PDB file of all heavy atoms in Angstrom:
ATOM      1  N   MET A   1    -115.132  -2.148 -26.590  1.00  0.00           N
ATOM      2  CA  MET A   1    -114.341  -2.006 -27.799  1.00  0.00           C
ATOM      3  C   MET A   1    -112.865  -1.895 -27.429  1.00  0.00           C
ATOM      4  O   MET A   1    -112.526  -1.456 -26.328  1.00  0.00           O
ATOM      5  CB  MET A   1    -114.754  -0.754 -28.582  1.00  0.00           C
ATOM      6  CG  MET A   1    -116.182  -0.741 -29.068  1.00  0.00           C
ATOM      7  SD  MET A   1    -116.469  -1.932 -30.396  1.00  0.00           S
ATOM      8  CE  MET A   1    -115.419  -1.255 -31.692  1.00  0.00           C
ATOM      9  N   ALA A   2    -112.010  -2.245 -28.373  1.00  0.00           N
ATOM     10  CA  ALA A   2    -110.574  -2.184 -28.108  1.00  0.00           C
ATOM     11  C   ALA A   2    -109.816  -1.744 -29.344  1.00  0.00           C
ATOM     12  O   ALA A   2    -110.324  -1.826 -30.471  1.00  0.00           O
ATOM     13  CB  ALA A   2    -110.057  -3.546 -27.648  1.00  0.00           C
ATOM     14  N   TRP A   3    -108.620  -1.268 -29.099  1.00  0.00           N
ATOM     15  CA  TRP A   3    -107.662  -0.968 -30.156  1.00  0.00           C
ATOM     16  C   TRP A   3    -106.430  -1.863 -29.952  1.00  0.00           C
ATOM     17  O   TRP A   3    -105.958  -2.051 -28.820  1.00  0.00           O
ATOM     18  CB  TRP A   3    -107.227   0.494 -30.114  1.00  0.00           C
ATOM     19  CG  TRP A   3    -108.260   1.454 -30.593  1.00  0.00           C
ATOM     20  CD1 TRP A   3    -109.173   2.129 -29.829  1.00  0.00           C
ATOM     21  CD2 TRP A   3    -108.501   1.870 -31.937  1.00  0.00           C
ATOM     22  NE1 TRP A   3    -109.964   2.926 -30.615  1.00  0.00           N
ATOM     23  CE2 TRP A   3    -109.555   2.790 -31.924  1.00  0.00           C
ATOM     24  CE3 TRP A   3    -107.907   1.552 -33.167  1.00  0.00           C
ATOM     25  CZ2 TRP A   3    -110.055   3.409 -33.072  1.00  0.00           C
ATOM     26  CZ3 TRP A   3    -108.386   2.165 -34.311  1.00  0.00           C
ATOM     27  CH2 TRP A   3    -109.446   3.079 -34.264  1.00  0.00           C
ATOM     28  N   PHE A   4    -105.948  -2.382 -31.058  1.00  0.00           N
ATOM     29  CA  PHE A   4    -104.716  -3.156 -31.086  1.00  0.00           C
ATOM     30  C   PHE A   4    -103.813  -2.548 -32.160  1.00  0.00           C
ATOM     31  O   PHE A   4    -104.260  -1.744 -32.991  1.00  0.00           O
ATOM     32  CB  PHE A   4    -105.002  -4.620 -31.441  1.00  0.00           C
ATOM     33  CG  PHE A   4    -105.711  -5.389 -30.369  1.00  0.00           C
ATOM     34  CD1 PHE A   4    -107.083  -5.265 -30.203  1.00  0.00           C
ATOM     35  CD2 PHE A   4    -105.025  -6.251 -29.530  1.00  0.00           C
ATOM     36  CE1 PHE A   4    -107.756  -5.976 -29.206  1.00  0.00           C
ATOM     37  CE2 PHE A   4    -105.678  -6.967 -28.544  1.00  0.00           C
ATOM     38  CZ  PHE A   4    -107.045  -6.826 -28.390  1.00  0.00           C
ATOM     39  N   ARG A   5    -102.566  -2.962 -32.156  1.00  0.00           N
ATOM     40  CA  ARG A   5    -101.666  -2.539 -33.222  1.00  0.00           C
ATOM     41  C   ARG A   5    -100.693  -3.665 -33.533  1.00  0.00           C
ATOM     42  O   ARG A   5    -100.432  -4.524 -32.691  1.00  0.00           O
ATOM     43  CB  ARG A   5    -100.906  -1.263 -32.833  1.00  0.00           C
ATOM     44  CG  ARG A   5     -99.947  -1.414 -31.661  1.00  0.00           C
ATOM     45  CD  ARG A   5     -99.381  -0.059 -31.267  1.00  0.00           C
ATOM     46  NE  ARG A   5     -98.424  -0.180 -30.161  1.00  0.00           N
ATOM     47  CZ  ARG A   5     -97.859   0.877 -29.579  1.00  0.00           C
ATOM     48  NH1 ARG A   5     -98.163   2.125 -29.983  1.00  0.00           N
ATOM     49  NH2 ARG A   5     -97.003   0.696 -28.588  1.00  0.00           N
ATOM     50  N   GLN A   6    -100.169  -3.619 -34.745  1.00  0.00           N
ATOM     51  CA  GLN A   6     -99.199  -4.620 -35.158  1.00  0.00           C
ATOM     52  C   GLN A   6     -98.127  -3.960 -36.015  1.00  0.00           C
ATOM     53  O   GLN A   6     -98.430  -3.396 -37.074  1.00  0.00           O
ATOM     54  CB  GLN A   6     -99.870  -5.749 -35.937  1.00  0.00           C
ATOM     55  CG  GLN A   6     -98.956  -6.923 -36.216  1.00  0.00           C
ATOM     56  CD  GLN A   6     -99.701  -8.164 -36.661  1.00  0.00           C
ATOM     57  OE1 GLN A   6    -100.848  -8.108 -37.105  1.00  0.00           O
ATOM     58  NE2 GLN A   6     -99.075  -9.313 -36.539  1.00  0.00           N
ATOM     59  N   ALA A   7     -96.909  -4.039 -35.526  1.00  0.00           N
ATOM     60  CA  ALA A   7     -95.761  -3.521 -36.260  1.00  0.00           C
ATOM     61  C   ALA A   7     -95.170  -4.643 -37.115  1.00  0.00           C
ATOM     62  O   ALA A   7     -95.369  -5.832 -36.803  1.00  0.00           O
ATOM     63  CB  ALA A   7     -94.718  -2.987 -35.291  1.00  0.00           C
ATOM     64  N   PRO A   8     -94.451  -4.310 -38.159  1.00  0.00           N
ATOM     65  CA  PRO A   8     -93.866  -5.336 -39.027  1.00  0.00           C
ATOM     66  C   PRO A   8     -92.989  -6.304 -38.238  1.00  0.00           C
ATOM     67  O   PRO A   8     -92.145  -5.883 -37.443  1.00  0.00           O
ATOM     68  CB  PRO A   8     -93.026  -4.518 -40.019  1.00  0.00           C
ATOM     69  CG  PRO A   8     -93.679  -3.192 -40.064  1.00  0.00           C
ATOM     70  CD  PRO A   8     -94.194  -2.960 -38.678  1.00  0.00           C
ATOM     71  N   GLY A   9     -93.226  -7.587 -38.430  1.00  0.00           N
ATOM     72  CA  GLY A   9     -92.423  -8.604 -37.772  1.00  0.00           C
ATOM     73  C   GLY A   9     -92.760  -8.841 -36.309  1.00  0.00           C
ATOM     74  O   GLY A   9     -92.074  -9.621 -35.636  1.00  0.00           O
ATOM     75  N   LYS A  10     -93.799  -8.178 -35.821  1.00  0.00           N
ATOM     76  CA  LYS A  10     -94.171  -8.337 -34.411  1.00  0.00           C
ATOM     77  C   LYS A  10     -95.588  -8.864 -34.288  1.00  0.00           C
ATOM     78  O   LYS A  10     -96.384  -8.779 -35.222  1.00  0.00           O
ATOM     79  CB  LYS A  10     -94.046  -6.999 -33.684  1.00  0.00           C
ATOM     80  CG  LYS A  10     -92.618  -6.473 -33.598  1.00  0.00           C
ATOM     81  CD  LYS A  10     -92.531  -5.252 -32.704  1.00  0.00           C
ATOM     82  CE  LYS A  10     -91.094  -4.785 -32.547  1.00  0.00           C
ATOM     83  NZ  LYS A  10     -91.001  -3.598 -31.636  1.00  0.00           N
ATOM     84  N   GLU A  11     -95.894  -9.384 -33.108  1.00  0.00           N
ATOM     85  CA  GLU A  11     -97.241  -9.873 -32.849  1.00  0.00           C
ATOM     86  C   GLU A  11     -98.193  -8.705 -32.614  1.00  0.00           C
ATOM     87  O   GLU A  11     -97.781  -7.601 -32.278  1.00  0.00           O
ATOM     88  CB  GLU A  11     -97.230 -10.782 -31.616  1.00  0.00           C
ATOM     89  CG  GLU A  11     -96.492 -12.083 -31.836  1.00  0.00           C
ATOM     90  CD  GLU A  11     -96.671 -13.046 -30.667  1.00  0.00           C
ATOM     91  OE1 GLU A  11     -97.265 -12.646 -29.651  1.00  0.00           O
ATOM     92  OE2 GLU A  11     -96.208 -14.190 -30.785  1.00  0.00           O
ATOM     93  N   ARG A  12     -99.468  -8.991 -32.800  1.00  0.00           N
ATOM     94  CA  ARG A  12    -100.475  -7.974 -32.529  1.00  0.00           C
ATOM     95  C   ARG A  12    -100.445  -7.638 -31.041  1.00  0.00           C
ATOM     96  O   ARG A  12    -100.402  -8.531 -30.189  1.00  0.00           O
ATOM     97  CB  ARG A  12    -101.845  -8.489 -32.943  1.00  0.00           C
ATOM     98  CG  ARG A  12    -102.922  -7.430 -32.945  1.00  0.00           C
ATOM     99  CD  ARG A  12    -104.128  -7.870 -33.730  1.00  0.00           C
ATOM    100  NE  ARG A  12    -103.818  -8.060 -35.150  1.00  0.00           N
ATOM    101  CZ  ARG A  12    -104.741  -8.237 -36.090  1.00  0.00           C
ATOM    102  NH1 ARG A  12    -106.022  -8.255 -35.764  1.00  0.00           N
ATOM    103  NH2 ARG A  12    -104.396  -8.408 -37.350  1.00  0.00           N
ATOM    104  N   GLU A  13    -100.499  -6.351 -30.751  1.00  0.00           N
ATOM    105  CA  GLU A  13    -100.334  -5.848 -29.384  1.00  0.00           C
ATOM    106  C   GLU A  13    -101.573  -5.078 -28.947  1.00  0.00           C
ATOM    107  O   GLU A  13    -102.095  -4.244 -29.699  1.00  0.00           O
ATOM    108  CB  GLU A  13     -99.108  -4.913 -29.351  1.00  0.00           C
ATOM    109  CG  GLU A  13     -98.869  -4.199 -28.060  1.00  0.00           C
ATOM    110  CD  GLU A  13     -97.806  -3.109 -28.161  1.00  0.00           C
ATOM    111  OE1 GLU A  13     -97.522  -2.646 -29.278  1.00  0.00           O
ATOM    112  OE2 GLU A  13     -97.252  -2.731 -27.113  1.00  0.00           O
ATOM    113  N   PHE A  14    -102.011  -5.352 -27.743  1.00  0.00           N
ATOM    114  CA  PHE A  14    -103.138  -4.611 -27.153  1.00  0.00           C
ATOM    115  C   PHE A  14    -102.706  -3.174 -26.881  1.00  0.00           C
ATOM    116  O   PHE A  14    -101.637  -2.926 -26.310  1.00  0.00           O
ATOM    117  CB  PHE A  14    -103.565  -5.298 -25.863  1.00  0.00           C
ATOM    118  CG  PHE A  14    -104.592  -4.559 -25.064  1.00  0.00           C
ATOM    119  CD1 PHE A  14    -105.923  -4.589 -25.436  1.00  0.00           C
ATOM    120  CD2 PHE A  14    -104.232  -3.853 -23.925  1.00  0.00           C
ATOM    121  CE1 PHE A  14    -106.883  -3.922 -24.693  1.00  0.00           C
ATOM    122  CE2 PHE A  14    -105.181  -3.199 -23.169  1.00  0.00           C
ATOM    123  CZ  PHE A  14    -106.512  -3.228 -23.553  1.00  0.00           C
ATOM    124  N   VAL A  15    -103.565  -2.232 -27.263  1.00  0.00           N
ATOM    125  CA  VAL A  15    -103.321  -0.810 -26.998  1.00  0.00           C
ATOM    126  C   VAL A  15    -104.201  -0.329 -25.852  1.00  0.00           C
ATOM    127  O   VAL A  15    -103.728   0.287 -24.894  1.00  0.00           O
ATOM    128  CB  VAL A  15    -103.576   0.040 -28.256  1.00  0.00           C
ATOM    129  CG1 VAL A  15    -103.501   1.532 -27.940  1.00  0.00           C
ATOM    130  CG2 VAL A  15    -102.582  -0.334 -29.360  1.00  0.00           C
ATOM    131  N   GLY A  16    -105.491  -0.600 -25.946  1.00  0.00           N
ATOM    132  CA  GLY A  16    -106.402  -0.174 -24.911  1.00  0.00           C
ATOM    133  C   GLY A  16    -107.821  -0.605 -25.223  1.00  0.00           C
ATOM    134  O   GLY A  16    -108.120  -1.055 -26.329  1.00  0.00           O
ATOM    135  N   ALA A  17    -108.679  -0.463 -24.231  1.00  0.00           N
ATOM    136  CA  ALA A  17    -110.078  -0.855 -24.375  1.00  0.00           C
ATOM    137  C   ALA A  17    -110.973   0.125 -23.638  1.00  0.00           C
ATOM    138  O   ALA A  17    -110.522   0.839 -22.732  1.00  0.00           O
ATOM    139  CB  ALA A  17    -110.298  -2.266 -23.847  1.00  0.00           C
ATOM    140  N   ILE A  18    -112.231   0.145 -24.036  1.00  0.00           N
ATOM    141  CA  ILE A  18    -113.217   1.009 -23.400  1.00  0.00           C
ATOM    142  C   ILE A  18    -114.482   0.209 -23.169  1.00  0.00           C
ATOM    143  O   ILE A  18    -114.881  -0.622 -24.000  1.00  0.00           O
ATOM    144  CB  ILE A  18    -113.477   2.266 -24.253  1.00  0.00           C
ATOM    145  CG1 ILE A  18    -114.369   3.262 -23.513  1.00  0.00           C
ATOM    146  CG2 ILE A  18    -114.054   1.901 -25.620  1.00  0.00           C
ATOM    147  CD1 ILE A  18    -114.402   4.637 -24.153  1.00  0.00           C
ATOM    148  N   SER A  19    -115.119   0.449 -22.050  1.00  0.00           N
ATOM    149  CA  SER A  19    -116.332  -0.286 -21.713  1.00  0.00           C
ATOM    150  C   SER A  19    -117.494   0.134 -22.597  1.00  0.00           C
ATOM    151  O   SER A  19    -117.463   1.197 -23.234  1.00  0.00           O
ATOM    152  CB  SER A  19    -116.688  -0.051 -20.242  1.00  0.00           C
ATOM    153  OG  SER A  19    -116.950   1.324 -20.021  1.00  0.00           O
ATOM    154  N   TRP A  20    -118.537  -0.681 -22.598  1.00  0.00           N
ATOM    155  CA  TRP A  20    -119.690  -0.419 -23.468  1.00  0.00           C
ATOM    156  C   TRP A  20    -120.337   0.929 -23.164  1.00  0.00           C
ATOM    157  O   TRP A  20    -120.867   1.585 -24.046  1.00  0.00           O
ATOM    158  CB  TRP A  20    -120.713  -1.554 -23.369  1.00  0.00           C
ATOM    159  CG  TRP A  20    -121.050  -1.977 -21.963  1.00  0.00           C
ATOM    160  CD1 TRP A  20    -120.455  -2.980 -21.246  1.00  0.00           C
ATOM    161  CD2 TRP A  20    -122.043  -1.428 -21.112  1.00  0.00           C
ATOM    162  NE1 TRP A  20    -121.016  -3.071 -20.008  1.00  0.00           N
ATOM    163  CE2 TRP A  20    -122.010  -2.136 -19.884  1.00  0.00           C
ATOM    164  CE3 TRP A  20    -122.987  -0.393 -21.248  1.00  0.00           C
ATOM    165  CZ2 TRP A  20    -122.854  -1.848 -18.829  1.00  0.00           C
ATOM    166  CZ3 TRP A  20    -123.832  -0.114 -20.199  1.00  0.00           C
ATOM    167  CH2 TRP A  20    -123.751  -0.832 -19.002  1.00  0.00           C
ATOM    168  N   SER A  21    -120.271   1.356 -21.909  1.00  0.00           N
ATOM    169  CA  SER A  21    -120.860   2.644 -21.528  1.00  0.00           C
ATOM    170  C   SER A  21    -119.913   3.808 -21.777  1.00  0.00           C
ATOM    171  O   SER A  21    -120.323   4.967 -21.769  1.00  0.00           O
ATOM    172  CB  SER A  21    -121.238   2.626 -20.058  1.00  0.00           C
ATOM    173  OG  SER A  21    -120.055   2.579 -19.262  1.00  0.00           O
ATOM    174  N   GLY A  22    -118.648   3.493 -21.953  1.00  0.00           N
ATOM    175  CA  GLY A  22    -117.638   4.538 -22.077  1.00  0.00           C
ATOM    176  C   GLY A  22    -117.083   5.005 -20.741  1.00  0.00           C
ATOM    177  O   GLY A  22    -116.196   5.853 -20.698  1.00  0.00           O
ATOM    178  N   GLY A  23    -117.579   4.426 -19.669  1.00  0.00           N
ATOM    179  CA  GLY A  23    -117.187   4.894 -18.352  1.00  0.00           C
ATOM    180  C   GLY A  23    -115.849   4.385 -17.840  1.00  0.00           C
ATOM    181  O   GLY A  23    -115.299   4.935 -16.883  1.00  0.00           O
ATOM    182  N   ARG A  24    -115.352   3.331 -18.447  1.00  0.00           N
ATOM    183  CA  ARG A  24    -114.076   2.752 -18.018  1.00  0.00           C
ATOM    184  C   ARG A  24    -113.164   2.538 -19.204  1.00  0.00           C
ATOM    185  O   ARG A  24    -113.616   2.181 -20.291  1.00  0.00           O
ATOM    186  CB  ARG A  24    -114.307   1.423 -17.307  1.00  0.00           C
ATOM    187  CG  ARG A  24    -114.940   1.537 -15.929  1.00  0.00           C
ATOM    188  CD  ARG A  24    -115.181   0.170 -15.311  1.00  0.00           C
ATOM    189  NE  ARG A  24    -116.210  -0.564 -16.040  1.00  0.00           N
ATOM    190  CZ  ARG A  24    -115.989  -1.713 -16.657  1.00  0.00           C
ATOM    191  NH1 ARG A  24    -114.785  -2.265 -16.663  1.00  0.00           N
ATOM    192  NH2 ARG A  24    -116.982  -2.328 -17.282  1.00  0.00           N
ATOM    193  N   THR A  25    -111.887   2.746 -18.956  1.00  0.00           N
ATOM    194  CA  THR A  25    -110.871   2.479 -19.965  1.00  0.00           C
ATOM    195  C   THR A  25    -109.708   1.714 -19.344  1.00  0.00           C
ATOM    196  O   THR A  25    -109.547   1.704 -18.115  1.00  0.00           O
ATOM    197  CB  THR A  25    -110.331   3.774 -20.606  1.00  0.00           C
ATOM    198  OG1 THR A  25    -109.912   4.671 -19.559  1.00  0.00           O
ATOM    199  CG2 THR A  25    -111.378   4.453 -21.466  1.00  0.00           C
ATOM    200  N   TYR A  26    -108.927   1.117 -20.204  1.00  0.00           N
ATOM    201  CA  TYR A  26    -107.806   0.285 -19.765  1.00  0.00           C
ATOM    202  C   TYR A  26    -106.753   0.374 -20.852  1.00  0.00           C
ATOM    203  O   TYR A  26    -107.085   0.186 -22.024  1.00  0.00           O
ATOM    204  CB  TYR A  26    -108.313  -1.141 -19.575  1.00  0.00           C
ATOM    205  CG  TYR A  26    -107.273  -2.228 -19.377  1.00  0.00           C
ATOM    206  CD1 TYR A  26    -106.165  -2.044 -18.557  1.00  0.00           C
ATOM    207  CD2 TYR A  26    -107.423  -3.465 -20.005  1.00  0.00           C
ATOM    208  CE1 TYR A  26    -105.242  -3.061 -18.381  1.00  0.00           C
ATOM    209  CE2 TYR A  26    -106.501  -4.490 -19.830  1.00  0.00           C
ATOM    210  CZ  TYR A  26    -105.419  -4.276 -19.015  1.00  0.00           C
ATOM    211  OH  TYR A  26    -104.504  -5.284 -18.839  1.00  0.00           O
ATOM    212  N   TYR A  27    -105.511   0.684 -20.464  1.00  0.00           N
ATOM    213  CA  TYR A  27    -104.468   0.922 -21.452  1.00  0.00           C
ATOM    214  C   TYR A  27    -103.242   0.050 -21.193  1.00  0.00           C
ATOM    215  O   TYR A  27    -102.914  -0.272 -20.058  1.00  0.00           O
ATOM    216  CB  TYR A  27    -104.029   2.389 -21.405  1.00  0.00           C
ATOM    217  CG  TYR A  27    -105.127   3.365 -21.741  1.00  0.00           C
ATOM    218  CD1 TYR A  27    -105.839   4.007 -20.743  1.00  0.00           C
ATOM    219  CD2 TYR A  27    -105.451   3.635 -23.068  1.00  0.00           C
ATOM    220  CE1 TYR A  27    -106.855   4.895 -21.050  1.00  0.00           C
ATOM    221  CE2 TYR A  27    -106.461   4.525 -23.395  1.00  0.00           C
ATOM    222  CZ  TYR A  27    -107.160   5.147 -22.369  1.00  0.00           C
ATOM    223  OH  TYR A  27    -108.167   6.031 -22.675  1.00  0.00           O
TER     224      TYR A  27
END
């Protein structure tokens, strides 16, 4: 799963992700 964000006038930006097990994250 991942989270993204988008501010007005900007492209969608990657925030972070987590593995299916929850054991790994990436920001």
